[in-house]
Amino acid sequence: MHSITSEDLLLYLYGETTKLQTEAIELALQKDWSLMEKLELLTQSRNELEIINFSPSTTSVNNILKYAEKSVEEISPVH
């Protein structure tokens, strides 16, 4: 396998590597402390992102709805 990249570690972290890739990454992690540190950082980042609650404000939602309503009025034929 090529040298292990951050992208490879992300795939590994999310269980999206093949068996061969997994074996190569795990072998590299045993030998390379800096690679292990990168994996730990990615793991911590993933864990922190999982607890963040993404939710738009009521004002943002209302602005989007007003814009959509205005757009519909502009394209609707007048009777």
Protein backbone atom coordinates (compact mmCIF):
# COMPACT_ATOMS: atom_id res chain seq x y z
CA MET A 1 0.00 0.00 0.00
CA HIS A 2 1.12 3.56 -0.61
CA SER A 3 2.08 5.80 2.29
CA ILE A 4 -0.88 6.30 4.59
CA THR A 5 -2.66 9.64 4.14
CA SER A 6 -5.18 11.49 6.27
CA GLU A 7 -7.84 10.40 3.78
CA ASP A 8 -6.85 6.77 4.34
CA LEU A 9 -7.14 7.28 8.08
CA LEU A 10 -10.61 8.78 7.68
CA LEU A 11 -11.72 5.80 5.63
CA TYR A 12 -10.27 3.52 8.31
CA LEU A 13 -11.94 5.49 11.09
CA TYR A 14 -15.35 5.11 9.45
CA GLY A 15 -14.81 1.44 8.59
CA GLU A 16 -14.70 2.05 4.85
CA THR A 17 -11.40 0.35 4.04
CA THR A 18 -10.94 -3.05 2.48
CA LYS A 19 -9.49 -5.88 4.54
CA LEU A 20 -6.11 -5.39 2.85
CA GLN A 21 -6.17 -1.62 3.47
CA THR A 22 -7.17 -2.15 7.10
CA GLU A 23 -4.28 -4.55 7.65
CA ALA A 24 -1.81 -2.16 6.04
CA ILE A 25 -3.05 0.79 8.07
CA GLU A 26 -2.96 -1.15 11.34
CA LEU A 27 0.58 -2.31 10.62
CA ALA A 28 1.63 1.26 9.82
CA LEU A 29 -0.03 2.53 13.01
CA GLN A 30 2.01 0.07 15.08
CA LYS A 31 5.26 1.42 13.61
CA ASP A 32 4.55 5.14 13.19
CA TRP A 33 3.72 7.26 16.25
CA SER A 34 2.98 10.36 14.19
CA LEU A 35 0.44 8.40 12.16
CA MET A 36 -1.15 7.21 15.41
CA GLU A 37 -1.30 10.83 16.61
CA LYS A 38 -3.07 11.82 13.38
CA LEU A 39 -5.60 9.05 13.90
CA GLU A 40 -6.18 10.15 17.49
CA LEU A 41 -6.73 13.74 16.35
CA LEU A 42 -9.19 12.63 13.67
CA THR A 43 -10.99 10.45 16.20
CA GLN A 44 -11.28 13.34 18.68
CA SER A 45 -12.52 15.65 15.93
CA ARG A 46 -15.16 13.16 14.85
CA ASN A 47 -16.32 12.73 18.44
CA GLU A 48 -16.60 16.49 18.93
CA LEU A 49 -18.53 16.94 15.69
CA GLU A 50 -21.02 14.26 16.72
CA ILE A 51 -22.12 16.27 19.76
CA ILE A 52 -22.66 19.55 17.89
CA ASN A 53 -26.31 20.33 17.27
CA PHE A 54 -26.80 21.99 13.90
CA SER A 55 -30.09 23.83 13.75
CA PRO A 56 -31.01 27.00 11.88
CA SER A 57 -32.48 29.90 13.81
CA THR A 58 -36.19 30.65 13.55
CA THR A 59 -35.32 33.92 11.82
CA SER A 60 -33.35 32.09 9.12
CA VAL A 61 -36.18 29.63 8.51
CA ASN A 62 -38.74 32.44 8.30
CA ASN A 63 -36.56 34.40 5.86
CA ILE A 64 -36.25 31.37 3.61
CA LEU A 65 -40.00 30.76 3.70
CA LYS A 66 -40.73 34.43 2.88
CA TYR A 67 -38.30 34.30 -0.03
CA ALA A 68 -39.87 31.11 -1.33
CA GLU A 69 -43.35 32.58 -1.03
CA LYS A 70 -42.28 35.72 -2.90
CA SER A 71 -40.68 33.61 -5.64
CA VAL A 72 -43.87 31.57 -6.08
CA GLU A 73 -45.93 34.75 -6.34
CA GLU A 74 -43.60 36.08 -9.05
CA ILE A 75 -43.91 32.99 -11.23
CA SER A 76 -47.59 32.29 -10.64
CA PRO A 77 -49.92 33.48 -13.42
CA VAL A 78 -52.30 36.28 -12.48
CA HIS A 79 -56.00 35.36 -12.80
